[in-house]
Amino acid sequence: MDDLEISKKKFLYKSSYRGSKEMDLIIGNFAKKFIDLFDKNELHLFSQILDSDDNDLYQWIFGKSETPDHFKNRVFQLLIDFSIKQNDV
């Protein structure tokens, strides 16, 4: 198993055990769907998302507060779109 695959497994685990059940579901399901599609740079961006506070992420994802500039990227936009779509179900 190479370093990239090990990182993906760690990110999958961290995505599903964040502390807040709602964010466990949102980020965990997002990771399960997209992580294998991410290149090394996108995994780095995803890692930054994982290092963020659950409440802040929730506020940014659902437009309750302004998303910081460093999160205005393809990976975070995918997370927003995925989360909104899941919330509509």
PDB file of N, CA and C in Angstrom:
ATOM      1  N   MET A   1       0.858  -1.180   0.000  1.00  0.00           N
ATOM      2  CA  MET A   1       0.000   0.000   0.000  1.00  0.00           C
ATOM      3  C   MET A   1       0.905   1.244   0.000  1.00  0.00           C
ATOM      4  N   ASP A   2       0.665   2.160  -0.939  1.00  0.00           N
ATOM      5  CA  ASP A   2       1.505   3.356  -1.022  1.00  0.00           C
ATOM      6  C   ASP A   2       1.010   4.443  -0.069  1.00  0.00           C
ATOM      7  N   ASP A   3       1.799   5.506   0.043  1.00  0.00           N
ATOM      8  CA  ASP A   3       1.482   6.594   0.974  1.00  0.00           C
ATOM      9  C   ASP A   3       0.138   7.259   0.668  1.00  0.00           C
ATOM     10  N   LEU A   4      -0.179   7.382  -0.603  1.00  0.00           N
ATOM     11  CA  LEU A   4      -1.442   8.004  -0.988  1.00  0.00           C
ATOM     12  C   LEU A   4      -2.635   7.183  -0.501  1.00  0.00           C
ATOM     13  N   GLU A   5      -2.561   5.877  -0.651  1.00  0.00           N
ATOM     14  CA  GLU A   5      -3.652   5.006  -0.191  1.00  0.00           C
ATOM     15  C   GLU A   5      -3.772   5.022   1.335  1.00  0.00           C
ATOM     16  N   ILE A   6      -2.640   5.074   2.020  1.00  0.00           N
ATOM     17  CA  ILE A   6      -2.659   5.147   3.483  1.00  0.00           C
ATOM     18  C   ILE A   6      -3.314   6.452   3.928  1.00  0.00           C
ATOM     19  N   SER A   7      -2.960   7.551   3.261  1.00  0.00           N
ATOM     20  CA  SER A   7      -3.565   8.846   3.581  1.00  0.00           C
ATOM     21  C   SER A   7      -5.070   8.819   3.367  1.00  0.00           C
ATOM     22  N   LYS A   8      -5.493   8.223   2.267  1.00  0.00           N
ATOM     23  CA  LYS A   8      -6.932   8.138   1.995  1.00  0.00           C
ATOM     24  C   LYS A   8      -7.651   7.376   3.094  1.00  0.00           C
ATOM     25  N   LYS A   9      -7.077   6.270   3.552  1.00  0.00           N
ATOM     26  CA  LYS A   9      -7.706   5.491   4.626  1.00  0.00           C
ATOM     27  C   LYS A   9      -7.793   6.301   5.916  1.00  0.00           C
ATOM     28  N   LYS A  10      -6.733   7.047   6.231  1.00  0.00           N
ATOM     29  CA  LYS A  10      -6.745   7.895   7.424  1.00  0.00           C
ATOM     30  C   LYS A  10      -7.812   8.984   7.304  1.00  0.00           C
ATOM     31  N   PHE A  11      -7.914   9.591   6.115  1.00  0.00           N
ATOM     32  CA  PHE A  11      -8.905  10.641   5.902  1.00  0.00           C
ATOM     33  C   PHE A  11     -10.325  10.084   5.987  1.00  0.00           C
ATOM     34  N   LEU A  12     -10.535   8.894   5.462  1.00  0.00           N
ATOM     35  CA  LEU A  12     -11.861   8.278   5.565  1.00  0.00           C
ATOM     36  C   LEU A  12     -12.258   8.079   7.022  1.00  0.00           C
ATOM     37  N   TYR A  13     -11.324   7.595   7.821  1.00  0.00           N
ATOM     38  CA  TYR A  13     -11.601   7.392   9.246  1.00  0.00           C
ATOM     39  C   TYR A  13     -11.899   8.733   9.920  1.00  0.00           C
ATOM     40  N   LYS A  14     -11.012   9.708   9.687  1.00  0.00           N
ATOM     41  CA  LYS A  14     -11.168  11.017  10.321  1.00  0.00           C
ATOM     42  C   LYS A  14     -12.462  11.706   9.885  1.00  0.00           C
ATOM     43  N   SER A  15     -12.907  11.417   8.675  1.00  0.00           N
ATOM     44  CA  SER A  15     -14.144  12.004   8.154  1.00  0.00           C
ATOM     45  C   SER A  15     -15.378  11.515   8.891  1.00  0.00           C
ATOM     46  N   SER A  16     -15.345  10.294   9.342  1.00  0.00           N
ATOM     47  CA  SER A  16     -16.523   9.674   9.946  1.00  0.00           C
ATOM     48  C   SER A  16     -16.549   9.732  11.468  1.00  0.00           C
ATOM     49  N   TYR A  17     -15.443  10.185  12.075  1.00  0.00           N
ATOM     50  CA  TYR A  17     -15.365  10.252  13.541  1.00  0.00           C
ATOM     51  C   TYR A  17     -14.860  11.625  13.952  1.00  0.00           C
ATOM     52  N   ARG A  18     -15.686  12.642  13.703  1.00  0.00           N
ATOM     53  CA  ARG A  18     -15.296  14.027  13.927  1.00  0.00           C
ATOM     54  C   ARG A  18     -15.706  14.532  15.307  1.00  0.00           C
ATOM     55  N   GLY A  19     -16.770  14.002  15.864  1.00  0.00           N
ATOM     56  CA  GLY A  19     -17.246  14.474  17.159  1.00  0.00           C
ATOM     57  C   GLY A  19     -18.704  14.890  17.120  1.00  0.00           C
ATOM     58  N   SER A  20     -19.106  15.502  16.028  1.00  0.00           N
ATOM     59  CA  SER A  20     -20.509  15.882  15.860  1.00  0.00           C
ATOM     60  C   SER A  20     -21.132  14.883  14.885  1.00  0.00           C
ATOM     61  N   LYS A  21     -22.197  14.246  15.309  1.00  0.00           N
ATOM     62  CA  LYS A  21     -22.815  13.189  14.494  1.00  0.00           C
ATOM     63  C   LYS A  21     -23.238  13.707  13.122  1.00  0.00           C
ATOM     64  N   GLU A  22     -23.795  14.911  13.093  1.00  0.00           N
ATOM     65  CA  GLU A  22     -24.236  15.467  11.812  1.00  0.00           C
ATOM     66  C   GLU A  22     -23.061  15.637  10.850  1.00  0.00           C
ATOM     67  N   MET A  23     -21.944  16.169  11.343  1.00  0.00           N
ATOM     68  CA  MET A  23     -20.783  16.357  10.473  1.00  0.00           C
ATOM     69  C   MET A  23     -20.103  15.021  10.164  1.00  0.00           C
ATOM     70  N   ASP A  24     -20.186  14.063  11.084  1.00  0.00           N
ATOM     71  CA  ASP A  24     -19.697  12.703  10.779  1.00  0.00           C
ATOM     72  C   ASP A  24     -20.393  12.179   9.527  1.00  0.00           C
ATOM     73  N   LEU A  25     -21.707  12.359   9.473  1.00  0.00           N
ATOM     74  CA  LEU A  25     -22.486  11.861   8.339  1.00  0.00           C
ATOM     75  C   LEU A  25     -22.197  12.647   7.061  1.00  0.00           C
ATOM     76  N   ILE A  26     -22.185  13.962   7.166  1.00  0.00           N
ATOM     77  CA  ILE A  26     -21.963  14.793   5.977  1.00  0.00           C
ATOM     78  C   ILE A  26     -20.571  14.550   5.399  1.00  0.00           C
ATOM     79  N   ILE A  27     -19.552  14.744   6.223  1.00  0.00           N
ATOM     80  CA  ILE A  27     -18.173  14.648   5.716  1.00  0.00           C
ATOM     81  C   ILE A  27     -17.811  13.189   5.445  1.00  0.00           C
ATOM     82  N   GLY A  28     -18.279  12.279   6.281  1.00  0.00           N
ATOM     83  CA  GLY A  28     -17.986  10.865   6.066  1.00  0.00           C
ATOM     84  C   GLY A  28     -18.557  10.354   4.750  1.00  0.00           C
ATOM     85  N   ASN A  29     -19.810  10.663   4.482  1.00  0.00           N
ATOM     86  CA  ASN A  29     -20.431  10.237   3.224  1.00  0.00           C
ATOM     87  C   ASN A  29     -19.795  10.925   2.021  1.00  0.00           C
ATOM     88  N   PHE A  30     -19.450  12.185   2.180  1.00  0.00           N
ATOM     89  CA  PHE A  30     -18.754  12.910   1.113  1.00  0.00           C
ATOM     90  C   PHE A  30     -17.419  12.217   0.794  1.00  0.00           C
ATOM     91  N   ALA A  31     -16.666  11.896   1.826  1.00  0.00           N
ATOM     92  CA  ALA A  31     -15.365  11.254   1.621  1.00  0.00           C
ATOM     93  C   ALA A  31     -15.521   9.899   0.936  1.00  0.00           C
ATOM     94  N   LYS A  32     -16.496   9.118   1.364  1.00  0.00           N
ATOM     95  CA  LYS A  32     -16.719   7.809   0.743  1.00  0.00           C
ATOM     96  C   LYS A  32     -17.008   7.938  -0.748  1.00  0.00           C
ATOM     97  N   LYS A  33     -17.706   8.994  -1.121  1.00  0.00           N
ATOM     98  CA  LYS A  33     -18.078   9.176  -2.519  1.00  0.00           C
ATOM     99  C   LYS A  33     -16.926   9.738  -3.372  1.00  0.00           C
ATOM    100  N   PHE A  34     -16.138  10.640  -2.822  1.00  0.00           N
ATOM    101  CA  PHE A  34     -15.190  11.399  -3.644  1.00  0.00           C
ATOM    102  C   PHE A  34     -13.711  11.100  -3.424  1.00  0.00           C
ATOM    103  N   ILE A  35     -13.329  10.522  -2.308  1.00  0.00           N
ATOM    104  CA  ILE A  35     -11.909  10.460  -1.969  1.00  0.00           C
ATOM    105  C   ILE A  35     -11.063   9.733  -3.021  1.00  0.00           C
ATOM    106  N   ASP A  36     -11.599   8.711  -3.643  1.00  0.00           N
ATOM    107  CA  ASP A  36     -10.829   7.987  -4.652  1.00  0.00           C
ATOM    108  C   ASP A  36     -10.665   8.775  -5.946  1.00  0.00           C
ATOM    109  N   LEU A  37     -11.428   9.840  -6.100  1.00  0.00           N
ATOM    110  CA  LEU A  37     -11.330  10.688  -7.289  1.00  0.00           C
ATOM    111  C   LEU A  37     -10.325  11.828  -7.110  1.00  0.00           C
ATOM    112  N   PHE A  38      -9.905  12.068  -5.870  1.00  0.00           N
ATOM    113  CA  PHE A  38      -9.022  13.194  -5.581  1.00  0.00           C
ATOM    114  C   PHE A  38      -7.572  12.879  -5.919  1.00  0.00           C
ATOM    115  N   ASP A  39      -6.899  13.878  -6.503  1.00  0.00           N
ATOM    116  CA  ASP A  39      -5.458  13.764  -6.721  1.00  0.00           C
ATOM    117  C   ASP A  39      -4.746  14.241  -5.445  1.00  0.00           C
ATOM    118  N   LYS A  40      -3.449  14.270  -5.479  1.00  0.00           N
ATOM    119  CA  LYS A  40      -2.670  14.620  -4.287  1.00  0.00           C
ATOM    120  C   LYS A  40      -2.999  16.032  -3.790  1.00  0.00           C
ATOM    121  N   ASN A  41      -3.132  16.986  -4.702  1.00  0.00           N
ATOM    122  CA  ASN A  41      -3.450  18.360  -4.319  1.00  0.00           C
ATOM    123  C   ASN A  41      -4.840  18.438  -3.692  1.00  0.00           C
ATOM    124  N   GLU A  42      -5.799  17.751  -4.287  1.00  0.00           N
ATOM    125  CA  GLU A  42      -7.157  17.769  -3.744  1.00  0.00           C
ATOM    126  C   GLU A  42      -7.223  17.084  -2.382  1.00  0.00           C
ATOM    127  N   LEU A  43      -6.411  16.069  -2.184  1.00  0.00           N
ATOM    128  CA  LEU A  43      -6.346  15.443  -0.858  1.00  0.00           C
ATOM    129  C   LEU A  43      -5.801  16.419   0.176  1.00  0.00           C
ATOM    130  N   HIS A  44      -4.858  17.237  -0.238  1.00  0.00           N
ATOM    131  CA  HIS A  44      -4.331  18.259   0.674  1.00  0.00           C
ATOM    132  C   HIS A  44      -5.437  19.251   1.051  1.00  0.00           C
ATOM    133  N   LEU A  45      -6.215  19.674   0.059  1.00  0.00           N
ATOM    134  CA  LEU A  45      -7.334  20.585   0.328  1.00  0.00           C
ATOM    135  C   LEU A  45      -8.356  19.928   1.254  1.00  0.00           C
ATOM    136  N   PHE A  46      -8.621  18.649   1.024  1.00  0.00           N
ATOM    137  CA  PHE A  46      -9.564  17.919   1.873  1.00  0.00           C
ATOM    138  C   PHE A  46      -9.027  17.803   3.300  1.00  0.00           C
ATOM    139  N   SER A  47      -7.726  17.611   3.425  1.00  0.00           N
ATOM    140  CA  SER A  47      -7.098  17.542   4.739  1.00  0.00           C
ATOM    141  C   SER A  47      -7.322  18.837   5.521  1.00  0.00           C
ATOM    142  N   GLN A  48      -7.271  19.971   4.839  1.00  0.00           N
ATOM    143  CA  GLN A  48      -7.522  21.255   5.496  1.00  0.00           C
ATOM    144  C   GLN A  48      -8.969  21.339   5.987  1.00  0.00           C
ATOM    145  N   ILE A  49      -9.872  20.785   5.209  1.00  0.00           N
ATOM    146  CA  ILE A  49     -11.279  20.742   5.636  1.00  0.00           C
ATOM    147  C   ILE A  49     -11.396  19.900   6.909  1.00  0.00           C
ATOM    148  N   LEU A  50     -10.745  18.750   6.909  1.00  0.00           N
ATOM    149  CA  LEU A  50     -10.813  17.854   8.064  1.00  0.00           C
ATOM    150  C   LEU A  50     -10.229  18.480   9.328  1.00  0.00           C
ATOM    151  N   ASP A  51      -9.284  19.399   9.159  1.00  0.00           N
ATOM    152  CA  ASP A  51      -8.655  20.048  10.304  1.00  0.00           C
ATOM    153  C   ASP A  51      -9.480  21.209  10.856  1.00  0.00           C
ATOM    154  N   SER A  52     -10.605  21.488  10.230  1.00  0.00           N
ATOM    155  CA  SER A  52     -11.444  22.625  10.642  1.00  0.00           C
ATOM    156  C   SER A  52     -12.490  22.196  11.666  1.00  0.00           C
ATOM    157  N   ASP A  53     -12.952  23.172  12.404  1.00  0.00           N
ATOM    158  CA  ASP A  53     -13.974  22.969  13.426  1.00  0.00           C
ATOM    159  C   ASP A  53     -15.319  22.615  12.785  1.00  0.00           C
ATOM    160  N   ASP A  54     -16.020  21.646  13.359  1.00  0.00           N
ATOM    161  CA  ASP A  54     -17.305  21.206  12.825  1.00  0.00           C
ATOM    162  C   ASP A  54     -18.311  22.344  12.704  1.00  0.00           C
ATOM    163  N   ASN A  55     -18.416  23.164  13.726  1.00  0.00           N
ATOM    164  CA  ASN A  55     -19.385  24.252  13.695  1.00  0.00           C
ATOM    165  C   ASN A  55     -19.060  25.246  12.577  1.00  0.00           C
ATOM    166  N   ASP A  56     -17.775  25.571  12.422  1.00  0.00           N
ATOM    167  CA  ASP A  56     -17.378  26.480  11.340  1.00  0.00           C
ATOM    168  C   ASP A  56     -17.735  25.879   9.985  1.00  0.00           C
ATOM    169  N   LEU A  57     -17.408  24.602   9.796  1.00  0.00           N
ATOM    170  CA  LEU A  57     -17.718  23.934   8.528  1.00  0.00           C
ATOM    171  C   LEU A  57     -19.212  23.971   8.242  1.00  0.00           C
ATOM    172  N   TYR A  58     -19.995  23.657   9.240  1.00  0.00           N
ATOM    173  CA  TYR A  58     -21.450  23.675   9.070  1.00  0.00           C
ATOM    174  C   TYR A  58     -21.919  25.062   8.625  1.00  0.00           C
ATOM    175  N   GLN A  59     -21.425  26.099   9.287  1.00  0.00           N
ATOM    176  CA  GLN A  59     -21.807  27.472   8.959  1.00  0.00           C
ATOM    177  C   GLN A  59     -21.423  27.823   7.521  1.00  0.00           C
ATOM    178  N   TRP A  60     -20.229  27.423   7.091  1.00  0.00           N
ATOM    179  CA  TRP A  60     -19.757  27.731   5.737  1.00  0.00           C
ATOM    180  C   TRP A  60     -20.511  26.921   4.687  1.00  0.00           C
ATOM    181  N   ILE A  61     -20.702  25.643   4.950  1.00  0.00           N
ATOM    182  CA  ILE A  61     -21.366  24.765   3.978  1.00  0.00           C
ATOM    183  C   ILE A  61     -22.779  25.234   3.680  1.00  0.00           C
ATOM    184  N   PHE A  62     -23.509  25.603   4.715  1.00  0.00           N
ATOM    185  CA  PHE A  62     -24.910  25.961   4.546  1.00  0.00           C
ATOM    186  C   PHE A  62     -25.136  27.469   4.445  1.00  0.00           C
ATOM    187  N   GLY A  63     -24.050  28.225   4.182  1.00  0.00           N
ATOM    188  CA  GLY A  63     -24.162  29.649   3.900  1.00  0.00           C
ATOM    189  C   GLY A  63     -24.594  30.510   5.055  1.00  0.00           C
ATOM    190  N   LYS A  64     -24.368  30.050   6.267  1.00  0.00           N
ATOM    191  CA  LYS A  64     -24.763  30.821   7.440  1.00  0.00           C
ATOM    192  C   LYS A  64     -23.691  31.837   7.830  1.00  0.00           C
ATOM    193  N   SER A  65     -22.476  31.650   7.318  1.00  0.00           N
ATOM    194  CA  SER A  65     -21.411  32.636   7.476  1.00  0.00           C
ATOM    195  C   SER A  65     -20.498  32.558   6.251  1.00  0.00           C
ATOM    196  N   GLU A  66     -19.722  33.595   6.053  1.00  0.00           N
ATOM    197  CA  GLU A  66     -18.853  33.715   4.879  1.00  0.00           C
ATOM    198  C   GLU A  66     -17.740  32.670   4.909  1.00  0.00           C
ATOM    199  N   THR A  67     -17.576  31.966   3.795  1.00  0.00           N
ATOM    200  CA  THR A  67     -16.520  30.967   3.656  1.00  0.00           C
ATOM    201  C   THR A  67     -15.180  31.679   3.497  1.00  0.00           C
ATOM    202  N   PRO A  68     -14.175  31.296   4.278  1.00  0.00           N
ATOM    203  CA  PRO A  68     -12.846  31.903   4.128  1.00  0.00           C
ATOM    204  C   PRO A  68     -12.298  31.663   2.719  1.00  0.00           C
ATOM    205  N   ASP A  69     -11.487  32.594   2.259  1.00  0.00           N
ATOM    206  CA  ASP A  69     -10.935  32.512   0.908  1.00  0.00           C
ATOM    207  C   ASP A  69     -10.170  31.221   0.650  1.00  0.00           C
ATOM    208  N   HIS A  70      -9.453  30.716   1.654  1.00  0.00           N
ATOM    209  CA  HIS A  70      -8.651  29.506   1.422  1.00  0.00           C
ATOM    210  C   HIS A  70      -9.515  28.254   1.239  1.00  0.00           C
ATOM    211  N   PHE A  71     -10.817  28.368   1.485  1.00  0.00           N
ATOM    212  CA  PHE A  71     -11.734  27.255   1.231  1.00  0.00           C
ATOM    213  C   PHE A  71     -12.544  27.436  -0.050  1.00  0.00           C
ATOM    214  N   LYS A  72     -12.246  28.473  -0.781  1.00  0.00           N
ATOM    215  CA  LYS A  72     -12.943  28.694  -2.051  1.00  0.00           C
ATOM    216  C   LYS A  72     -12.180  27.945  -3.137  1.00  0.00           C
ATOM    217  N   ASN A  73     -12.443  26.640  -3.188  1.00  0.00           N
ATOM    218  CA  ASN A  73     -11.767  25.753  -4.144  1.00  0.00           C
ATOM    219  C   ASN A  73     -12.729  24.642  -4.562  1.00  0.00           C
ATOM    220  N   ARG A  74     -12.284  23.845  -5.508  1.00  0.00           N
ATOM    221  CA  ARG A  74     -13.127  22.792  -6.085  1.00  0.00           C
ATOM    222  C   ARG A  74     -13.604  21.781  -5.038  1.00  0.00           C
ATOM    223  N   VAL A  75     -12.733  21.370  -4.143  1.00  0.00           N
ATOM    224  CA  VAL A  75     -13.082  20.344  -3.157  1.00  0.00           C
ATOM    225  C   VAL A  75     -14.159  20.863  -2.203  1.00  0.00           C
ATOM    226  N   PHE A  76     -14.000  22.087  -1.729  1.00  0.00           N
ATOM    227  CA  PHE A  76     -14.999  22.626  -0.808  1.00  0.00           C
ATOM    228  C   PHE A  76     -16.329  22.856  -1.526  1.00  0.00           C
ATOM    229  N   GLN A  77     -16.268  23.272  -2.780  1.00  0.00           N
ATOM    230  CA  GLN A  77     -17.512  23.456  -3.543  1.00  0.00           C
ATOM    231  C   GLN A  77     -18.222  22.121  -3.748  1.00  0.00           C
ATOM    232  N   LEU A  78     -17.457  21.071  -4.011  1.00  0.00           N
ATOM    233  CA  LEU A  78     -18.056  19.730  -4.109  1.00  0.00           C
ATOM    234  C   LEU A  78     -18.739  19.353  -2.799  1.00  0.00           C
ATOM    235  N   LEU A  79     -18.091  19.673  -1.673  1.00  0.00           N
ATOM    236  CA  LEU A  79     -18.664  19.378  -0.360  1.00  0.00           C
ATOM    237  C   LEU A  79     -19.962  20.156  -0.151  1.00  0.00           C
ATOM    238  N   ILE A  80     -19.972  21.415  -0.531  1.00  0.00           N
ATOM    239  CA  ILE A  80     -21.187  22.232  -0.413  1.00  0.00           C
ATOM    240  C   ILE A  80     -22.313  21.626  -1.247  1.00  0.00           C
ATOM    241  N   ASP A  81     -22.024  21.359  -2.513  1.00  0.00           N
ATOM    242  CA  ASP A  81     -23.048  20.799  -3.409  1.00  0.00           C
ATOM    243  C   ASP A  81     -23.559  19.458  -2.891  1.00  0.00           C
ATOM    244  N   PHE A  82     -22.663  18.598  -2.456  1.00  0.00           N
ATOM    245  CA  PHE A  82     -23.027  17.280  -1.927  1.00  0.00           C
ATOM    246  C   PHE A  82     -23.908  17.438  -0.687  1.00  0.00           C
ATOM    247  N   SER A  83     -23.523  18.326   0.217  1.00  0.00           N
ATOM    248  CA  SER A  83     -24.241  18.512   1.481  1.00  0.00           C
ATOM    249  C   SER A  83     -25.649  19.048   1.257  1.00  0.00           C
ATOM    250  N   ILE A  84     -25.762  20.021   0.369  1.00  0.00           N
ATOM    251  CA  ILE A  84     -27.072  20.609   0.089  1.00  0.00           C
ATOM    252  C   ILE A  84     -27.975  19.558  -0.556  1.00  0.00           C
ATOM    253  N   LYS A  85     -27.421  18.795  -1.481  1.00  0.00           N
ATOM    254  CA  LYS A  85     -28.197  17.748  -2.148  1.00  0.00           C
ATOM    255  C   LYS A  85     -28.666  16.688  -1.130  1.00  0.00           C
ATOM    256  N   GLN A  86     -27.776  16.297  -0.210  1.00  0.00           N
ATOM    257  CA  GLN A  86     -28.125  15.314   0.814  1.00  0.00           C
ATOM    258  C   GLN A  86     -29.174  15.860   1.781  1.00  0.00           C
ATOM    259  N   ASN A  87     -29.086  17.137   2.058  1.00  0.00           N
ATOM    260  CA  ASN A  87     -30.014  17.763   2.990  1.00  0.00           C
ATOM    261  C   ASN A  87     -31.411  17.884   2.386  1.00  0.00           C
ATOM    262  N   ASP A  88     -31.495  17.953   1.051  1.00  0.00           N
ATOM    263  CA  ASP A  88     -32.788  18.059   0.386  1.00  0.00           C
ATOM    264  C   ASP A  88     -33.541  16.731   0.333  1.00  0.00           C
ATOM    265  N   VAL A  89     -32.853  15.636   0.575  1.00  0.00           N
ATOM    266  CA  VAL A  89     -33.472  14.310   0.472  1.00  0.00           C
ATOM    267  C   VAL A  89     -34.379  14.041   1.620  1.00  0.00           C
TER     268      VAL A  89
END
